[in-house]
Amino acid sequence: MNSGVTISAIIPCYNSEKTIKVCLESILTQTETVNEVIVVDDGSTDESVNIIRDFFKNSSKQIKFILSEQKNQGPSAARNNGVLLATSSHIAFLDSDDQWFSDHIRISKEFLDNNSEYKITATKYLAIPNNFSGEVSFKKLLIRNYLSTPCVVLDRDCFWANGGFNEKMKYSEDYYLWLSIVFKNRFYKLDYVGAKNIDFKRPFGDKGLSSNLLQMHYGVLKCYDNLYFNKMIDFKTYFKIKAIEKLKHLRRLILTYLHKYKK
């Protein structure tokens, strides 16, 4: 496909020796290849870096590979530093414990090529049931986060125009960035399941950062605090969405409890 859209894949990695190879393989088996693959290792203490180096060295694909290493600063800093190295017009995020399905890049790229008014798009994530597709407004995104980070493809300049990932936020920093972008830009959710977790991790209450439900909850509330402080929402909306989030937090607690005691 001759395209004006070029895409850099950005992968933050931390102690992912068990999943990083599968993650990288899913990039190279795309029906439409990315222009470059940038992995930022966030101070791993396992064999992740050696596995990545060997993978890049032995790959027969004609794709530009970049491995950058940093002291442990968290995924937001790793993603931001990856984007700093990117040379493509667009960036696509993939976590080191996730993998793309084969048409994720092709479908995303085709949409962006034909719909230049959209600066951001995303496919669906397998673990999230009944996932909506279509145009998602800022107001709709306030009520529910329709973007899973490993499914997002967006304009690189738009990423920086909205500050990149907030490195001071450990939780829900991705949600805050999506809200900031969609406040001024149109977003379309594509009807294609583009990514999944390699270890079949549930979307919350299972493993990793998302296992800390209370901090996840506080992270979402912090998003709303920032939006209100920056005058992107009025007080009525601010009060309403915080109340909704508290009910959703209670629901997540109940569902996690039921899941654990069904085992």
Protein backbone atom coordinates (compact mmCIF):
# COMPACT_ATOMS: atom_id res chain seq x y z
CA MET A 1 0.00 0.00 0.00
CA ASN A 2 1.38 3.38 -0.95
CA SER A 3 0.66 5.53 2.04
CA GLY A 4 1.39 8.94 3.49
CA VAL A 5 1.05 7.44 6.97
CA THR A 6 4.19 5.89 8.44
CA ILE A 7 4.14 4.12 11.79
CA SER A 8 6.67 3.55 14.58
CA ALA A 9 5.91 0.79 17.09
CA ILE A 10 6.78 1.84 20.66
CA ILE A 11 7.26 -0.89 23.29
CA PRO A 12 8.18 -0.17 26.94
CA CYS A 13 9.78 -3.22 28.56
CA TYR A 14 10.44 -4.13 32.17
CA ASN A 15 11.38 -7.67 33.25
CA SER A 16 9.44 -9.21 30.38
CA GLU A 17 11.71 -12.11 29.48
CA LYS A 18 8.74 -14.51 29.33
CA THR A 19 6.65 -12.44 26.88
CA ILE A 20 8.82 -9.97 24.94
CA LYS A 21 9.69 -12.39 22.12
CA VAL A 22 6.02 -13.18 21.41
CA CYS A 23 5.29 -9.45 21.58
CA LEU A 24 7.95 -8.64 18.98
CA GLU A 25 6.96 -11.55 16.74
CA SER A 26 3.43 -10.18 16.57
CA ILE A 27 4.84 -6.95 15.10
CA LEU A 28 6.83 -8.74 12.43
CA THR A 29 3.89 -10.92 11.37
CA GLN A 30 1.65 -7.95 10.59
CA THR A 31 0.07 -7.97 7.12
CA GLU A 32 1.15 -4.32 6.83
CA THR A 33 4.54 -3.75 8.40
CA VAL A 34 5.51 -0.83 10.59
CA ASN A 35 8.40 1.41 9.54
CA GLU A 36 10.40 0.97 12.71
CA VAL A 37 10.32 -0.85 16.04
CA ILE A 38 11.52 1.01 19.14
CA VAL A 39 11.89 -0.87 22.42
CA VAL A 40 12.74 1.12 25.55
CA ASP A 41 13.95 -1.10 28.36
CA ASP A 42 13.02 0.42 31.70
CA GLY A 43 15.87 -0.96 33.80
CA SER A 44 15.09 -4.66 33.53
CA THR A 45 17.01 -7.00 35.84
CA ASP A 46 16.18 -10.22 33.98
CA GLU A 47 17.17 -11.42 30.49
CA SER A 48 14.84 -9.06 28.60
CA VAL A 49 17.56 -6.96 27.01
CA ASN A 50 19.55 -9.97 25.79
CA ILE A 51 16.42 -11.53 24.31
CA ILE A 52 15.58 -8.28 22.49
CA ARG A 53 19.11 -7.93 21.12
CA ASP A 54 19.11 -11.52 19.87
CA PHE A 55 15.69 -11.07 18.30
CA PHE A 56 16.73 -7.93 16.42
CA LYS A 57 20.03 -9.51 15.36
CA ASN A 58 18.39 -12.64 13.95
CA SER A 59 15.42 -10.99 12.27
CA SER A 60 15.27 -11.18 8.48
CA LYS A 61 12.72 -8.37 8.22
CA GLN A 62 13.85 -5.14 6.56
CA ILE A 63 12.62 -2.95 9.41
CA LYS A 64 14.56 -0.40 11.44
CA PHE A 65 15.09 -1.66 15.00
CA ILE A 66 16.06 0.54 17.94
CA LEU A 67 16.76 -0.61 21.50
CA SER A 68 17.10 2.12 24.11
CA GLU A 69 17.91 1.51 27.77
CA GLN A 70 17.09 3.71 30.75
CA LYS A 71 17.10 3.50 34.53
CA ASN A 72 13.75 2.39 35.92
CA GLN A 73 11.36 5.33 35.54
CA GLY A 74 8.07 3.65 34.72
CA PRO A 75 6.15 2.98 31.48
CA SER A 76 5.18 6.62 30.86
CA ALA A 77 8.79 7.77 30.71
CA ALA A 78 9.69 4.74 28.59
CA ARG A 79 6.91 5.48 26.09
CA ASN A 80 7.77 9.18 25.95
CA ASN A 81 11.44 8.40 25.37
CA GLY A 82 10.44 5.94 22.65
CA VAL A 83 8.38 8.59 20.88
CA LEU A 84 11.35 10.98 21.07
CA LEU A 85 13.29 8.45 18.97
CA ALA A 86 10.48 7.89 16.48
CA THR A 87 10.79 9.24 12.94
CA SER A 88 7.39 8.19 11.56
CA SER A 89 4.31 10.37 11.16
CA HIS A 90 2.33 8.14 13.54
CA ILE A 91 3.05 6.00 16.59
CA ALA A 92 1.53 2.71 17.71
CA PHE A 93 1.91 1.48 21.28
CA LEU A 94 2.33 -2.13 22.36
CA ASP A 95 3.09 -3.35 25.88
CA SER A 96 5.71 -6.05 26.34
CA ASP A 97 3.15 -8.53 27.70
CA ASP A 98 0.69 -7.95 24.84
CA GLN A 99 0.59 -8.97 21.19
CA TRP A 100 -1.08 -7.62 18.07
CA PHE A 101 -3.37 -9.60 15.83
CA SER A 102 -2.14 -9.72 12.25
CA ASP A 103 -4.30 -6.95 10.70
CA HIS A 104 -4.01 -4.35 13.46
CA ILE A 105 -1.57 -2.09 11.61
CA ARG A 106 -3.12 -2.59 8.16
CA ILE A 107 -6.63 -1.70 9.32
CA SER A 108 -5.46 1.26 11.44
CA LYS A 109 -3.24 2.62 8.68
CA GLU A 110 -5.94 2.23 6.04
CA PHE A 111 -8.39 4.17 8.20
CA LEU A 112 -5.94 7.00 8.86
CA ASP A 113 -4.99 7.20 5.19
CA ASN A 114 -8.63 7.64 4.19
CA ASN A 115 -9.72 9.83 7.12
CA SER A 116 -7.09 12.52 7.67
CA GLU A 117 -9.46 14.48 9.95
CA TYR A 118 -8.80 11.88 12.67
CA LYS A 119 -5.58 12.22 14.64
CA ILE A 120 -6.19 9.11 16.75
CA THR A 121 -7.76 5.72 16.23
CA ALA A 122 -7.77 2.39 18.03
CA THR A 123 -8.78 -1.20 17.51
CA LYS A 124 -10.46 -3.37 20.16
CA TYR A 125 -8.78 -5.28 22.98
CA LEU A 126 -9.71 -8.94 23.35
CA ALA A 127 -10.22 -9.01 27.13
CA ILE A 128 -12.87 -6.28 27.07
CA PRO A 129 -16.33 -7.68 26.20
CA ASN A 130 -18.98 -5.82 24.17
CA ASN A 131 -16.42 -3.24 23.14
CA PHE A 132 -18.06 -0.35 21.24
CA SER A 133 -16.93 0.68 17.76
CA GLY A 134 -17.59 3.98 15.98
CA GLU A 135 -17.08 7.68 16.72
CA VAL A 136 -16.32 8.40 20.37
CA SER A 137 -16.86 11.95 21.60
CA PHE A 138 -15.09 13.63 24.51
CA LYS A 139 -18.26 13.40 26.61
CA LYS A 140 -18.57 9.69 25.89
CA LEU A 141 -14.91 9.10 26.72
CA LEU A 142 -15.40 10.84 30.07
CA ILE A 143 -17.85 8.13 31.12
CA ARG A 144 -15.81 5.20 29.85
CA ASN A 145 -12.28 4.69 28.57
CA TYR A 146 -12.75 3.18 25.10
CA LEU A 147 -9.02 3.06 24.33
CA SER A 148 -6.65 0.27 25.33
CA THR A 149 -3.08 1.51 24.98
CA PRO A 150 -1.79 -1.49 22.94
CA CYS A 151 -4.54 -0.78 20.37
CA VAL A 152 -3.87 2.94 19.81
CA VAL A 153 -2.34 4.52 16.69
CA LEU A 154 -2.03 8.31 16.67
CA ASP A 155 -0.36 11.25 15.03
CA ARG A 156 3.06 11.89 16.60
CA ASP A 157 2.71 15.70 16.52
CA CYS A 158 -0.67 15.41 18.20
CA PHE A 159 0.92 13.27 20.91
CA TRP A 160 3.42 15.99 21.77
CA ALA A 161 0.89 18.82 21.35
CA ASN A 162 -0.99 17.23 24.26
CA GLY A 163 2.08 16.76 26.45
CA GLY A 164 2.72 13.04 25.97
CA PHE A 165 2.21 10.73 28.94
CA ASN A 166 2.17 12.49 32.30
CA GLU A 167 5.21 10.99 34.07
CA LYS A 168 3.97 12.20 37.45
CA MET A 169 0.92 9.92 37.17
CA LYS A 170 1.57 6.23 37.84
CA TYR A 171 -2.02 5.20 37.18
CA SER A 172 -4.44 6.21 34.40
CA GLU A 173 -1.88 8.47 32.74
CA ASP A 174 -2.88 6.91 29.41
CA TYR A 175 -6.55 7.72 30.02
CA TYR A 176 -5.66 11.32 30.82
CA LEU A 177 -3.71 11.65 27.56
CA TRP A 178 -6.58 10.18 25.50
CA LEU A 179 -9.02 12.61 27.12
CA SER A 180 -6.70 15.55 26.44
CA ILE A 181 -6.39 14.55 22.78
CA VAL A 182 -10.08 13.83 22.19
CA PHE A 183 -11.03 17.16 23.83
CA LYS A 184 -9.89 18.86 20.60
CA ASN A 185 -9.62 15.99 18.10
CA ARG A 186 -11.93 13.36 16.64
CA PHE A 187 -11.51 9.71 17.63
CA TYR A 188 -12.86 6.62 15.88
CA LYS A 189 -12.88 3.13 17.43
CA LEU A 190 -12.40 0.49 14.74
CA ASP A 191 -14.44 -2.70 14.61
CA TYR A 192 -11.49 -5.09 14.76
CA VAL A 193 -9.90 -6.90 17.72
CA GLY A 194 -6.32 -5.74 17.37
CA ALA A 195 -4.53 -6.89 20.51
CA LYS A 196 -4.62 -9.25 23.47
CA ASN A 197 -2.63 -10.04 26.58
CA ILE A 198 -0.17 -12.89 26.13
CA ASP A 199 -0.86 -14.26 29.63
CA PHE A 200 -4.64 -13.78 29.36
CA LYS A 201 -4.58 -11.12 32.07
CA ARG A 202 -7.95 -9.70 33.03
CA PRO A 203 -8.42 -5.92 32.40
CA PHE A 204 -8.38 -5.19 36.15
CA GLY A 205 -7.80 -6.88 39.49
CA ASP A 206 -5.41 -9.52 38.12
CA LYS A 207 -1.71 -8.77 37.48
CA GLY A 208 0.59 -5.79 37.13
CA LEU A 209 -0.40 -2.20 37.88
CA SER A 210 -4.07 -2.90 37.10
CA SER A 211 -4.22 -5.32 40.04
CA ASN A 212 -4.20 -2.36 42.45
CA LEU A 213 -7.85 -1.37 42.18
CA LEU A 214 -7.63 1.45 44.72
CA GLN A 215 -4.73 3.16 42.96
CA MET A 216 -6.47 2.67 39.61
CA HIS A 217 -9.51 4.41 41.10
CA TYR A 218 -7.43 7.28 42.46
CA GLY A 219 -5.74 7.56 39.06
CA VAL A 220 -9.06 8.05 37.26
CA LEU A 221 -10.13 10.62 39.85
CA LYS A 222 -6.82 12.43 39.28
CA CYS A 223 -7.65 12.56 35.55
CA TYR A 224 -10.89 14.31 36.34
CA ASP A 225 -9.14 16.68 38.79
CA ASN A 226 -6.70 17.67 36.04
CA LEU A 227 -9.48 18.20 33.50
CA TYR A 228 -11.40 20.44 35.89
CA PHE A 229 -8.26 22.37 36.89
CA ASN A 230 -7.48 22.96 33.20
CA LYS A 231 -11.07 24.12 32.56
CA MET A 232 -11.86 21.29 30.16
CA ILE A 233 -14.99 20.37 32.14
CA ASP A 234 -17.36 22.41 34.29
CA PHE A 235 -18.16 21.69 37.96
CA LYS A 236 -21.45 19.91 37.21
CA THR A 237 -19.72 17.48 34.86
CA TYR A 238 -16.81 17.11 37.28
CA PHE A 239 -19.13 16.17 40.14
CA LYS A 240 -21.15 13.76 37.99
CA ILE A 241 -18.25 11.79 36.53
CA LYS A 242 -16.52 11.47 39.92
CA ALA A 243 -19.71 10.00 41.36
CA ILE A 244 -19.96 7.57 38.44
CA GLU A 245 -16.33 6.52 38.89
CA LYS A 246 -16.93 5.74 42.58
CA LEU A 247 -19.79 3.43 41.61
CA LYS A 248 -17.61 1.80 38.94
CA HIS A 249 -14.85 1.28 41.52
CA LEU A 250 -17.32 -0.52 43.79
CA ARG A 251 -18.39 -2.69 40.85
CA ARG A 252 -14.77 -3.58 40.05
CA LEU A 253 -14.20 -4.59 43.68
CA ILE A 254 -17.25 -6.85 43.64
CA LEU A 255 -16.36 -8.47 40.31
CA THR A 256 -12.77 -9.08 41.41
CA TYR A 257 -13.95 -10.62 44.66
CA LEU A 258 -16.40 -12.90 42.86
CA HIS A 259 -13.75 -13.93 40.32
CA LYS A 260 -11.25 -14.87 43.03
CA TYR A 261 -13.75 -16.94 45.00
CA LYS A 262 -15.06 -18.80 41.97
CA LYS A 263 -11.66 -20.44 41.53
